[in-house]
Protein backbone atom coordinates (compact mmCIF):
# COMPACT_ATOMS: atom_id res chain seq x y z
CA MET A 1 65.97 121.73 59.49
CA LYS A 2 67.89 123.80 56.98
CA ARG A 3 70.35 124.80 59.54
CA ASP A 4 70.94 121.18 60.41
CA SER A 5 71.48 120.30 56.76
CA ASN A 6 73.94 123.14 56.24
CA ASN A 7 75.81 121.91 59.35
CA TRP A 8 75.97 118.51 57.84
CA THR A 9 77.13 119.82 54.37
CA ALA A 10 79.84 121.69 56.11
CA LEU A 11 80.93 118.81 57.99
CA LEU A 12 81.01 116.58 55.05
CA LYS A 13 83.16 119.09 53.13
CA LYS A 14 85.47 119.24 56.06
CA GLU A 15 85.99 115.52 55.97
CA ILE A 16 86.63 115.42 52.37
CA LEU A 17 89.10 118.45 52.52
CA ILE A 18 90.96 116.50 55.47
CA SER A 19 91.17 113.41 53.49
CA LEU A 20 92.48 115.23 50.44
CA LYS A 21 95.22 116.95 52.58
CA THR A 22 96.54 113.61 54.00
CA PRO A 23 99.48 112.34 51.81
CA ALA A 24 98.65 108.93 53.04
CA ALA A 25 95.45 108.93 51.05
CA TYR A 26 97.32 109.69 47.71
CA VAL A 27 99.84 107.07 48.50
CA VAL A 28 97.09 104.65 49.06
CA ILE A 29 95.25 105.57 45.89
CA ILE A 30 98.46 105.53 43.64
CA VAL A 31 99.44 102.12 44.97
CA PHE A 32 95.92 100.88 44.40
CA LEU A 33 96.02 102.00 40.74
CA LEU A 34 99.53 100.55 40.07
CA ILE A 35 98.69 97.17 41.43
CA SER A 36 95.32 97.14 39.81
CA GLY A 37 96.79 98.33 36.42
CA TYR A 38 99.45 95.69 36.60
CA MET A 39 97.14 92.90 37.27
CA PHE A 40 94.69 94.15 34.62
CA ALA A 41 97.35 94.01 32.05
CA ASP A 42 98.60 90.70 33.19
CA SER A 43 95.40 89.00 33.20
CA LEU A 44 94.32 90.61 29.69
CA PHE A 45 97.36 89.29 28.07
CA LEU A 46 96.98 85.79 29.57
CA SER A 47 93.19 85.42 28.95
CA ASN A 48 93.31 87.12 25.63
CA VAL A 49 89.52 87.79 26.10
CA ALA A 50 87.72 91.07 25.78
CA THR A 51 86.25 91.14 29.36
CA LEU A 52 86.88 93.01 32.48
CA ARG A 53 85.81 90.27 34.84
CA PRO A 54 89.18 89.43 35.95
CA PHE A 55 89.79 93.06 36.83
CA PHE A 56 86.65 93.16 38.90
CA SER A 57 87.57 89.98 40.84
CA LEU A 58 91.16 91.20 41.51
CA THR A 59 89.85 94.68 42.60
CA SER A 60 87.38 93.04 45.09
CA ILE A 61 90.56 91.46 46.70
CA LEU A 62 92.49 94.81 46.59
CA PHE A 63 89.59 96.48 48.37
CA LEU A 64 90.27 94.22 51.39
CA PHE A 65 93.49 96.35 51.88
CA PHE A 66 92.73 99.48 50.09
CA ILE A 67 89.44 100.48 51.80
CA PRO A 68 90.59 99.75 55.54
CA ALA A 69 93.70 101.91 54.63
CA LEU A 70 91.50 104.79 53.44
CA THR A 71 89.05 104.55 56.54
CA MET A 72 91.39 103.62 59.41
CA ARG A 73 91.86 107.31 60.23
CA GLY A 74 88.17 107.99 60.40
CA PHE A 75 87.42 108.25 64.25
CA SER A 76 90.69 106.86 65.32
CA GLU A 77 92.40 110.34 64.28
CA GLU A 78 89.68 112.08 66.31
CA PHE A 79 90.48 109.92 69.47
CA ARG A 80 94.23 110.49 69.08
CA ASN A 81 93.91 114.22 68.62
CA GLY A 82 91.44 114.61 71.44
CA THR A 83 88.77 116.16 69.11
CA ILE A 84 86.22 113.31 69.36
CA GLU A 85 84.35 115.00 72.06
CA LEU A 86 83.87 118.15 69.95
CA ILE A 87 82.34 116.06 67.13
CA VAL A 88 79.89 114.10 69.32
CA THR A 89 78.65 117.24 70.67
CA HIS A 90 78.36 118.82 67.22
CA PRO A 91 74.79 120.19 66.61
CA ILE A 92 73.82 117.46 64.26
CA SER A 93 72.57 113.98 64.98
CA ARG A 94 75.25 111.21 65.45
CA GLY A 95 73.96 109.33 62.60
CA LYS A 96 74.52 112.24 60.23
CA MET A 97 77.90 112.65 61.68
CA ILE A 98 78.81 109.07 60.88
CA THR A 99 77.18 109.42 57.38
CA ALA A 100 79.62 112.24 56.65
CA LYS A 101 82.60 110.13 57.62
CA LEU A 102 81.25 107.21 55.62
CA LEU A 103 80.45 109.42 52.42
CA SER A 104 83.88 111.29 52.53
CA SER A 105 85.67 108.04 52.36
CA TYR A 106 83.26 106.45 49.94
CA ILE A 107 83.71 109.51 47.51
CA ILE A 108 87.59 108.87 47.46
CA VAL A 109 87.12 105.22 46.75
CA VAL A 110 84.70 106.28 43.84
CA ALA A 111 87.29 108.75 42.55
CA SER A 112 89.97 106.14 42.61
CA LEU A 113 87.87 103.95 40.45
CA VAL A 114 87.29 106.66 37.79
CA PRO A 115 90.77 106.25 36.23
CA THR A 116 90.06 102.54 35.81
CA LEU A 117 87.55 103.21 33.15
CA PHE A 118 90.49 103.56 30.81
CA TYR A 119 90.73 99.72 31.16
CA PHE A 120 87.15 99.56 29.62
CA ILE A 121 88.32 101.71 26.72
CA VAL A 122 91.35 99.52 26.14
CA VAL A 123 89.40 96.10 26.23
CA ALA A 124 86.67 97.63 24.09
CA SER A 125 89.35 98.72 21.38
CA LEU A 126 90.78 95.07 21.42
CA GLY A 127 87.55 93.25 20.98
CA ASP A 128 83.73 93.01 21.27
CA ILE A 129 83.30 93.66 24.93
CA ASP A 130 79.81 93.20 26.76
CA ALA A 131 79.24 96.72 27.82
CA GLY A 132 76.18 95.60 29.93
CA ALA A 133 78.29 93.22 32.02
CA ALA A 134 81.13 95.87 32.43
CA PHE A 135 78.53 98.37 33.68
CA ALA A 136 77.01 95.86 36.08
CA GLY A 137 80.44 95.19 37.29
CA TYR A 138 81.27 98.54 38.11
CA ILE A 139 77.93 98.78 39.94
CA GLY A 140 78.74 95.86 42.00
CA LEU A 141 82.21 97.34 42.99
CA LEU A 142 80.34 100.45 44.05
CA PHE A 143 78.02 98.54 46.32
CA LEU A 144 80.89 96.63 47.67
CA ALA A 145 82.86 99.73 48.41
CA ALA A 146 79.86 101.09 50.34
CA GLY A 147 79.70 98.04 52.50
CA TYR A 148 83.25 97.91 53.00
CA VAL A 149 83.69 101.50 53.93
CA SER A 150 80.94 101.18 56.62
CA VAL A 151 83.05 98.33 58.11
CA GLY A 152 86.13 100.39 58.05
CA ILE A 153 84.43 103.38 59.74
CA PHE A 154 83.27 101.06 62.44
CA ALA A 155 86.66 99.59 62.97
CA SER A 156 88.06 103.06 63.27
CA SER A 157 85.59 103.94 66.19
CA LEU A 158 86.90 101.04 68.12
CA THR A 159 90.41 102.31 68.75
CA GLN A 160 92.66 105.50 68.56
CA ASN A 161 95.37 103.28 66.89
CA GLN A 162 95.10 103.51 63.10
CA VAL A 163 96.94 100.58 62.72
CA ALA A 164 94.73 98.54 64.86
CA ALA A 165 91.76 100.08 63.06
CA PHE A 166 93.26 98.78 59.76
CA ILE A 167 93.65 95.24 61.10
CA ILE A 168 90.39 95.04 62.63
CA ALA A 169 88.71 96.25 59.38
CA LEU A 170 90.93 93.79 57.32
CA PHE A 171 89.83 90.90 59.57
CA LEU A 172 86.12 91.64 59.35
CA LEU A 173 86.30 92.12 55.66
CA PHE A 174 88.26 88.94 55.03
CA ILE A 175 85.57 87.03 56.98
CA PHE A 176 82.95 88.36 54.57
CA PHE A 177 85.20 87.48 51.61
CA ILE A 178 85.99 83.97 52.66
CA LEU A 179 82.66 82.64 53.85
CA ASP A 180 81.48 81.11 50.48
CA LYS A 181 85.01 79.39 50.25
CA VAL A 182 84.25 77.28 53.35
CA THR A 183 80.90 76.07 52.24
CA ALA A 184 82.42 72.93 51.05
CA LEU A 185 83.14 71.92 54.72
CA THR A 186 79.36 72.34 55.54
CA THR A 187 76.17 71.10 54.35
CA GLY A 188 72.43 72.17 54.33
CA SER A 189 71.21 75.35 55.76
CA VAL A 190 74.56 76.21 57.29
CA ALA A 191 76.16 76.15 53.80
CA TYR A 192 73.36 78.27 52.58
CA VAL A 193 73.74 80.87 55.38
CA LEU A 194 77.54 81.06 54.84
CA GLN A 195 77.11 81.45 51.19
CA TYR A 196 74.58 84.24 51.56
CA ALA A 197 76.60 86.07 54.06
CA SER A 198 79.70 86.18 51.63
CA SER A 199 80.45 89.42 49.84
CA ASP A 200 81.97 87.62 46.93
CA PHE A 201 78.91 85.39 46.40
CA HIS A 202 76.74 88.52 45.80
CA LEU A 203 79.36 89.99 43.52
CA ALA A 204 79.10 87.08 41.28
CA ASN A 205 75.72 88.29 39.65
CA PHE A 206 77.15 91.71 38.94
CA TYR A 207 80.15 90.29 37.20
CA LYS A 208 77.79 88.30 34.92
CA GLY A 209 75.84 91.52 34.10
CA VAL A 210 72.94 90.86 36.33
CA ILE A 211 71.88 93.34 38.86
CA ASP A 212 69.82 91.47 41.48
CA PHE A 213 67.56 93.37 43.99
CA ARG A 214 68.58 90.78 46.63
CA ASP A 215 72.28 91.49 46.13
CA VAL A 216 71.55 95.40 46.47
CA VAL A 217 69.80 94.64 49.61
CA TYR A 218 72.44 92.62 51.10
CA PHE A 219 75.19 95.33 50.54
CA GLY A 220 72.57 97.95 51.85
CA GLY A 221 72.17 95.76 54.86
CA ILE A 222 75.78 95.74 55.52
CA VAL A 223 76.05 99.64 55.38
CA PHE A 224 72.96 99.91 57.78
CA PHE A 225 74.21 97.18 60.05
CA PHE A 226 77.74 98.59 60.68
CA SER A 227 76.56 102.14 60.66
CA SER A 228 74.27 101.29 63.37
CA LEU A 229 76.89 99.48 65.26
CA THR A 230 79.07 102.56 65.03
CA ALA A 231 76.38 104.84 66.27
CA LYS A 232 75.61 102.50 69.16
CA TRP A 233 79.31 102.10 70.12
CA LEU A 234 79.80 105.91 70.33
CA GLU A 235 76.56 106.37 72.29
CA LEU A 236 77.85 103.82 74.87
CA LYS A 237 81.27 105.32 74.90
CA PHE A 238 79.99 108.98 75.33
CA LYS A 239 76.62 108.83 77.16
């Protein structure tokens, strides 16, 4: 058991180091910070209100592009380099292997959010900010990132083409994002299901400063569902 844990830790470290050695990851992070910074400043001066809610809303949209760009190399790179068979025969479970890839990408996403805490300092210095709502908003982004990363890793397991993996992940995430926007075209239980399946709908409570257990379960369910899909797909592909 201890040896298996050590193997998993080594694999996680390897995945993180590979990501950190990839120039594309730094480019994606820098672009994300530049765009989010510009939009934060723009929304701050336009609204003239001490709140981070516009930043959170805009970041959830940026994640649609940012996270697929970070996760697209996940399994796609292994397929392209021909190292995927070495990984699937690694002396740890396939689930832990997927978790290592998911966590390595997630850690980078979280690291990219750390500099944005400067926005909180700026807003707090300009007015009486609701610290609880800001805290909940960041928690919401962390849960959203976890769900989106699991979708991105799944997309990367479907193809060796990184661009194709990016497009697949973007398409899937856009569906989750847009679902509550089309409820006006439906009624009754269909509208309720579409609304509940929308990631943006579940973020709304976090932005209000409310951490609802049902929203946590929703994002946890996305992680579990797409991680399971990835494991099943790899099992079918290499059994």
